[in-house]
């Protein structure tokens, strides 16, 4: 078994797989997330057990509970109940009951379902393992986009970028003649060619809707994150990047980020519930980098309409925050001048 699994990984790819970014080089990620949850303040939930991230099989003596889900996962993302991803536990594990013994164990999904489960899953869910939100995720429940390090833009192979810090810097970098409100961000993520072909169904109408309005066009930004997690391709990353660059328009190269490796992708995928990597995923972030909407697969006309509607709602929310903050500062200044 120890010899067979690496060979299968070689053939089919490696699918096994924070707002406090300054701590990540010195403090374990679990501690970073603990500090982040303490800073957010309004999150408290009790779980019956904490699943181990170990790849060893683990006997389950307690009843099977989906509440074992990792609290690090982004709240508000709607996983399709018809998808296997609905029952996948943190660490890419599922529960499997053996008919002969009746024992239930927690094992990697690939061992339980095979390496082609993602293809069958897309057929059952119409390429939508994640259902798009019908309402914006409330600000009180929204969580920061998860950390992913060592990405590069297609037009700049020398500057290493970290998420979500890159999104936040771009969202709040405004020319002096513009208002200092932040931008909202539409992030599209793909792993395979099939997902890459579906991305324009989300991004093109979104960009067109805001390009028509000059006052709003500078308040939104769109990025495409292409992740290659098959370690066998890592030595050829520069060649792959050049091919991608030649096939991407000049205007989109600064909006396209690439990632090669497996170090952080497994956890990154789990936090965003991207269990099936054969399709595409989109996330709408507010000006603070929090996930407020998620979707997958090919966008329908209704989903695009909702996405644009939600984006405009976030812009109003962002503008209200900015306006109220400015009013409070002006009020404070007046009070101080009156006291003098």
Protein backbone atom coordinates (compact mmCIF):
# COMPACT_ATOMS: atom_id res chain seq x y z
CA UNK A 1 0.00 0.00 0.00
CA UNK A 2 2.79 2.43 0.83
CA UNK A 3 4.30 1.83 -2.61
CA UNK A 4 1.03 1.91 -4.56
CA UNK A 5 -0.30 5.24 -3.31
CA UNK A 6 2.65 7.38 -4.49
CA UNK A 7 2.40 5.74 -7.91
CA UNK A 8 -1.29 6.60 -8.11
CA UNK A 9 -0.49 10.15 -7.05
CA UNK A 10 2.06 10.30 -9.84
CA UNK A 11 -0.60 9.31 -12.36
CA UNK A 12 -3.56 11.31 -11.16
CA UNK A 13 -2.06 14.23 -9.22
CA UNK A 14 -1.80 15.00 -5.57
CA UNK A 15 -5.32 15.57 -4.30
CA UNK A 16 -4.47 14.56 -0.73
CA UNK A 17 -3.14 17.06 0.01
CA UNK A 18 -5.60 35.07 8.84
CA UNK A 19 -5.69 38.16 9.13
CA UNK A 20 -2.63 37.79 11.32
CA UNK A 21 -0.29 37.24 8.41
CA UNK A 22 2.68 38.63 10.26
CA UNK A 23 2.53 35.72 12.71
CA UNK A 24 2.54 32.89 10.18
CA UNK A 25 6.32 32.55 10.00
CA UNK A 26 6.74 32.31 13.76
CA UNK A 27 3.52 30.86 15.18
CA UNK A 28 1.63 27.68 14.17
CA UNK A 29 -1.40 28.32 11.95
CA UNK A 30 -3.76 26.91 14.57
CA UNK A 31 -2.58 29.59 16.99
CA UNK A 32 -2.98 32.29 14.32
CA UNK A 33 -6.58 31.24 13.73
CA UNK A 34 -7.22 31.12 17.48
CA UNK A 35 -5.97 34.70 17.79
CA UNK A 36 -8.05 35.73 14.81
CA UNK A 37 -11.21 34.26 16.27
CA UNK A 38 -10.52 36.03 19.55
CA UNK A 39 -10.17 39.31 17.66
CA UNK A 40 -13.45 38.76 15.80
CA UNK A 41 -15.07 38.17 19.16
CA UNK A 42 -18.50 36.90 18.15
CA UNK A 43 -17.81 33.27 17.41
CA UNK A 44 -18.47 30.47 19.84
CA UNK A 45 -19.40 26.91 19.02
CA UNK A 46 -18.96 23.57 20.76
CA UNK A 47 -17.93 20.46 18.87
CA UNK A 48 -18.16 16.89 20.05
CA UNK A 49 -14.65 16.04 18.86
CA UNK A 50 -11.67 17.50 17.02
CA UNK A 51 -10.79 15.39 13.96
CA UNK A 52 -7.09 14.72 13.54
CA UNK A 53 -5.35 15.76 10.33
CA UNK A 54 -3.30 12.55 10.42
CA UNK A 55 -3.56 10.29 7.40
CA UNK A 56 -3.85 7.20 9.59
CA UNK A 57 -7.22 5.48 9.82
CA UNK A 58 -9.05 6.32 12.99
CA UNK A 59 -11.79 4.33 14.72
CA UNK A 60 -14.95 6.28 15.62
CA UNK A 61 -16.51 5.25 18.91
CA UNK A 62 -19.01 8.15 19.04
CA UNK A 63 -22.02 8.60 16.71
CA UNK A 64 -21.26 10.14 13.30
CA UNK A 65 -21.87 13.88 13.45
CA UNK A 66 -21.46 16.46 10.72
CA UNK A 67 -20.91 18.92 13.57
CA UNK A 68 -17.34 17.62 13.56
CA UNK A 69 -16.79 20.24 10.85
CA UNK A 70 -13.77 22.43 11.42
CA UNK A 71 -14.68 25.87 12.87
CA UNK A 72 -12.00 27.33 10.62
CA UNK A 73 -14.26 26.74 7.62
CA UNK A 74 -15.87 29.87 6.20
CA UNK A 75 -19.41 30.26 7.48
CA UNK A 76 -22.17 30.92 4.97
CA UNK A 77 -20.79 28.86 2.07
CA UNK A 78 -23.60 26.56 0.88
CA UNK A 79 -22.27 23.13 -0.05
CA UNK A 80 -24.62 21.22 -2.36
CA UNK A 81 -26.26 18.41 -0.36
CA UNK A 82 -26.03 16.19 -3.46
CA UNK A 83 -22.26 16.59 -3.48
CA UNK A 84 -19.88 14.32 -1.65
CA UNK A 85 -18.24 17.49 -0.38
CA UNK A 86 -21.24 17.96 1.90
CA UNK A 87 -20.02 15.09 4.09
CA UNK A 88 -16.27 15.55 3.74
CA UNK A 89 -14.58 16.26 7.06
CA UNK A 90 -11.56 18.52 7.61
CA UNK A 91 -8.40 17.00 6.20
CA UNK A 92 -10.26 15.47 3.20
CA UNK A 93 -11.64 12.60 5.27
CA UNK A 94 -14.99 10.79 5.13
CA UNK A 95 -16.62 8.22 7.35
CA UNK A 96 -16.81 4.69 5.92
CA UNK A 97 -18.72 1.78 7.44
CA UNK A 98 -17.45 -1.70 6.62
CA UNK A 99 -20.28 -4.17 5.93
CA UNK A 100 -18.52 -7.25 7.26
CA UNK A 101 -17.51 -5.87 10.65
CA UNK A 102 -19.90 -2.94 11.01
CA UNK A 103 -16.99 -0.75 12.13
CA UNK A 104 -16.89 2.88 11.06
CA UNK A 105 -13.58 4.53 10.27
CA UNK A 106 -12.46 7.92 9.11
CA UNK A 107 -10.30 7.57 5.98
CA UNK A 108 -9.16 9.80 3.07
CA UNK A 109 -11.92 10.37 0.53
CA UNK A 110 -9.81 9.01 -2.34
CA UNK A 111 -9.42 5.67 -0.56
CA UNK A 112 -13.15 5.54 0.21
CA UNK A 113 -14.52 6.72 -3.15
CA UNK A 114 -11.68 6.28 -5.66
CA UNK A 115 -9.74 8.82 -7.68
CA UNK A 116 -12.57 9.61 -10.10
CA UNK A 117 -15.22 10.59 -7.56
CA UNK A 118 -14.97 14.24 -8.63
CA UNK A 119 -16.15 13.47 -12.18
CA UNK A 120 -19.18 11.57 -10.89
CA UNK A 121 -19.80 14.33 -8.35
CA UNK A 122 -20.01 16.98 -11.09
CA UNK A 123 -22.64 14.95 -12.94
CA UNK A 124 -24.78 14.69 -9.80
CA UNK A 125 -24.51 18.39 -8.99
CA UNK A 126 -24.57 19.85 -12.52
CA UNK A 127 -21.01 21.12 -11.92
CA UNK A 128 -22.16 23.05 -8.86
CA UNK A 129 -20.75 21.41 -5.71
CA UNK A 130 -21.17 24.82 -4.05
CA UNK A 131 -24.53 26.55 -4.41
CA UNK A 132 -24.53 30.31 -4.81
CA UNK A 133 -25.89 32.33 -1.91
CA UNK A 134 -29.38 33.72 -2.26
CA UNK A 135 -28.54 36.44 0.26
CA UNK A 136 -25.32 38.15 1.29
CA UNK A 137 -23.51 36.52 4.19
CA UNK A 138 -24.20 38.98 7.06
CA UNK A 139 -21.29 41.16 8.11
CA UNK A 140 -21.54 39.83 11.67
CA UNK A 141 -20.93 36.26 10.41
CA UNK A 142 -18.45 37.07 7.64
CA UNK A 143 -14.90 35.73 7.92
CA UNK A 144 -11.63 36.76 6.37
CA UNK A 145 -10.51 35.08 3.16
CA UNK A 146 -8.01 32.33 4.11
CA UNK A 147 -4.24 32.51 3.80
CA UNK A 148 -2.32 31.28 0.77
CA UNK A 149 1.31 32.28 0.31
CA UNK A 150 3.85 32.45 -2.51
CA UNK A 151 1.70 33.41 -5.49
CA UNK A 152 2.88 35.36 -8.54
CA UNK A 153 1.14 37.53 -11.11
CA UNK A 154 1.49 36.50 -14.72
CA UNK A 155 3.12 39.80 -15.63
CA UNK A 156 5.51 39.79 -12.65
CA UNK A 157 7.37 36.58 -11.85
CA UNK A 158 9.70 38.24 -9.33
CA UNK A 159 7.28 39.60 -6.71
CA UNK A 160 5.95 37.02 -4.27
CA UNK A 161 2.38 37.67 -3.10
CA UNK A 162 0.37 36.46 -0.12
CA UNK A 163 -3.40 36.21 0.18
CA UNK A 164 -5.51 37.85 1.47
CA UNK A 165 -2.97 40.64 2.07
CA UNK A 166 -2.64 41.26 -1.68
CA UNK A 167 -6.41 41.73 -2.06
CA UNK A 168 -6.54 44.11 0.88
CA UNK A 169 -3.63 46.21 -0.37
CA UNK A 170 -5.24 46.52 -3.79
CA UNK A 171 -8.64 47.25 -2.25
CA UNK A 172 -7.34 50.20 -0.23
CA UNK A 173 -4.77 51.60 -2.63
CA UNK A 174 -6.55 54.63 -4.09
CA UNK A 175 -5.21 57.59 -6.08
CA UNK A 176 -5.22 60.84 -4.16
CA UNK A 177 -8.02 62.38 -6.21
CA UNK A 178 -10.40 59.50 -5.37
CA UNK A 179 -12.28 58.77 -2.17
CA UNK A 180 -10.47 56.57 0.31
CA UNK A 181 -13.23 53.96 0.52
CA UNK A 182 -12.11 50.40 -0.14
CA UNK A 183 -12.85 48.26 -3.15
CA UNK A 184 -14.83 45.05 -3.23
CA UNK A 185 -13.17 42.02 -4.81
CA UNK A 186 -14.42 39.17 -6.98
CA UNK A 187 -12.04 36.20 -6.73
CA UNK A 188 -12.29 33.33 -9.23
CA UNK A 189 -10.35 30.14 -8.42
CA UNK A 190 -9.59 27.24 -10.76
CA UNK A 191 -7.48 24.08 -10.63
CA UNK A 192 -8.10 22.40 -13.99
CA UNK A 193 -8.89 23.39 -17.59
CA UNK A 194 -12.55 22.48 -17.16
CA UNK A 195 -12.95 25.04 -14.40
CA UNK A 196 -10.90 27.63 -16.29
CA UNK A 197 -13.40 27.57 -19.17
CA UNK A 198 -16.28 28.38 -16.80
CA UNK A 199 -14.73 31.46 -15.18
CA UNK A 200 -15.76 33.98 -17.90
CA UNK A 201 -19.44 33.20 -17.24
CA UNK A 202 -18.95 34.98 -13.90
CA UNK A 203 -16.23 37.56 -14.50
CA UNK A 204 -17.15 38.96 -17.94
CA UNK A 205 -20.74 40.10 -17.14
CA UNK A 206 -19.58 41.30 -13.71
CA UNK A 207 -16.87 43.53 -15.20
CA UNK A 208 -19.17 44.75 -17.98
CA UNK A 209 -21.88 45.77 -15.50
CA UNK A 210 -19.50 48.05 -13.60
CA UNK A 211 -17.55 49.27 -16.62
CA UNK A 212 -20.71 51.02 -17.81
CA UNK A 213 -20.78 53.16 -14.67
CA UNK A 214 -17.63 55.28 -14.34
CA UNK A 215 -18.39 56.21 -10.73
CA UNK A 216 -18.43 52.52 -9.72
CA UNK A 217 -15.85 51.02 -12.07
CA UNK A 218 -12.96 52.10 -9.83
CA UNK A 219 -14.57 50.57 -6.75
CA UNK A 220 -14.51 46.91 -7.85
CA UNK A 221 -11.64 44.58 -8.74
CA UNK A 222 -11.51 41.09 -10.21
CA UNK A 223 -8.76 38.47 -9.84
CA UNK A 224 -8.29 34.95 -11.15
CA UNK A 225 -6.26 32.53 -9.02
CA UNK A 226 -4.97 29.49 -10.91
CA UNK A 227 -3.74 26.70 -8.61
CA UNK A 228 -1.56 23.83 -9.83
CA UNK A 229 -1.20 21.39 -6.94
CA UNK A 230 0.21 18.42 -8.85
CA UNK A 231 3.73 18.21 -7.51
CA UNK A 232 4.94 16.40 -10.62
CA UNK A 233 4.44 19.64 -12.56
CA UNK A 234 6.31 21.81 -10.08
CA UNK A 235 9.70 21.59 -11.91
CA UNK A 236 7.94 22.83 -15.06
CA UNK A 237 6.18 25.78 -13.40
CA UNK A 238 8.04 28.43 -15.39
CA UNK A 239 7.14 26.76 -18.67
CA UNK A 240 3.50 26.45 -17.62
CA UNK A 241 3.43 30.10 -16.57
CA UNK A 242 4.79 31.17 -19.95
CA UNK A 243 2.13 29.13 -21.74
CA UNK A 244 -0.57 30.70 -19.56
CA UNK A 245 0.85 34.16 -20.20
CA UNK A 246 0.81 33.64 -23.98
CA UNK A 247 -2.83 32.52 -23.77
CA UNK A 248 -3.94 35.41 -21.55
CA UNK A 249 -4.67 38.91 -22.82
CA UNK A 250 -2.34 41.67 -21.66
CA UNK A 251 -5.16 43.41 -19.78
CA UNK A 252 -5.82 40.26 -17.71
CA UNK A 253 -2.23 39.31 -16.88
CA UNK A 254 -2.00 41.65 -13.89
CA UNK A 255 -5.29 40.18 -12.63
CA UNK A 256 -4.16 36.56 -12.89
CA UNK A 257 -2.29 34.95 -9.99
CA UNK A 258 -0.59 31.56 -10.17
CA UNK A 259 0.30 29.08 -7.43
CA UNK A 260 2.37 25.91 -7.70
CA UNK A 261 2.74 23.49 -4.80
CA UNK A 262 0.85 21.45 -2.21
CA UNK A 263 2.06 22.90 1.09
CA UNK A 264 -0.96 25.02 2.02
CA UNK A 265 -3.50 24.14 -0.67
CA UNK A 266 -5.19 21.30 1.20
CA UNK A 267 -6.16 23.50 4.12
CA UNK A 268 -6.96 26.42 1.82
CA UNK A 269 -9.36 24.25 -0.18
CA UNK A 270 -11.03 22.91 2.96
CA UNK A 271 -11.61 26.35 4.49
CA UNK A 272 -13.36 27.50 1.29
CA UNK A 273 -15.13 24.13 0.80
CA UNK A 274 -13.49 23.58 -2.59
CA UNK A 275 -13.44 19.80 -2.32
CA UNK A 276 -14.05 19.13 -6.01
CA UNK A 277 -11.24 20.69 -8.03
CA UNK A 278 -12.69 19.79 -11.44
CA UNK A 279 -14.84 22.93 -11.55
CA UNK A 280 -14.54 26.66 -10.82
CA UNK A 281 -15.30 28.70 -7.70
CA UNK A 282 -16.00 32.39 -7.16
CA UNK A 283 -16.00 34.45 -3.95
CA UNK A 284 -17.15 38.02 -3.43
CA UNK A 285 -15.16 39.87 -0.76
CA UNK A 286 -16.06 43.13 0.92
CA UNK A 287 -13.55 45.95 1.43
CA UNK A 288 -12.26 44.24 4.59
CA UNK A 289 -11.44 41.03 2.71
CA UNK A 290 -14.31 39.01 4.21
CA UNK A 291 -16.19 36.37 2.19
CA UNK A 292 -19.78 37.55 1.59
CA UNK A 293 -20.84 35.37 -1.37
CA UNK A 294 -19.72 32.09 -2.95
CA UNK A 295 -20.61 30.15 -6.07
CA UNK A 296 -19.28 27.44 -8.37
CA UNK A 297 -19.52 26.00 -11.86
CA UNK A 298 -21.08 27.83 -14.78
CA UNK A 299 -22.97 30.98 -13.82
CA UNK A 300 -26.62 31.19 -14.74
CA UNK A 301 -28.28 34.46 -15.68
CA UNK A 302 -30.00 34.59 -12.30
CA UNK A 303 -26.70 34.02 -10.45
CA UNK A 304 -24.98 36.81 -12.38
CA UNK A 305 -27.86 39.17 -11.61
CA UNK A 306 -27.62 38.34 -7.92
CA UNK A 307 -23.83 38.70 -7.91
CA UNK A 308 -24.03 42.20 -9.38
CA UNK A 309 -26.85 43.13 -7.00
CA UNK A 310 -24.83 41.93 -4.00
CA UNK A 311 -21.73 43.78 -5.20
CA UNK A 312 -23.67 47.05 -5.35
CA UNK A 313 -25.07 46.36 -1.88
CA UNK A 314 -21.52 45.91 -0.56
CA UNK A 315 -20.50 49.18 -2.19
CA UNK A 316 -23.34 50.96 -0.39
CA UNK A 317 -22.35 49.23 2.84
CA UNK A 318 -18.74 50.26 2.33
CA UNK A 319 -19.74 53.85 1.51
CA UNK A 320 -22.02 54.03 4.56
CA UNK A 321 -19.17 52.90 6.79
CA UNK A 322 -16.88 55.48 5.26
CA UNK A 323 -19.48 58.27 5.52
CA UNK A 324 -20.38 57.47 9.15
CA UNK A 325 -16.71 57.27 10.08
CA UNK A 326 -16.01 60.65 8.50
CA UNK A 327 -19.02 62.17 10.26
CA UNK A 328 -17.81 60.85 13.60
CA UNK A 329 -14.35 62.30 13.00
CA UNK A 330 -15.82 65.69 12.05
CA UNK A 331 -18.11 65.64 15.09
CA UNK A 332 -15.16 64.84 17.35
CA UNK A 333 -13.12 67.65 15.84
CA UNK A 334 -15.94 70.14 16.41
CA UNK A 335 -16.29 69.09 20.05
CA UNK A 336 -12.58 69.50 20.63
CA UNK A 337 -12.58 72.96 19.00
CA UNK A 338 -15.61 74.00 21.11
CA UNK A 339 -13.86 72.96 24.33
CA UNK A 340 -10.84 75.02 23.38
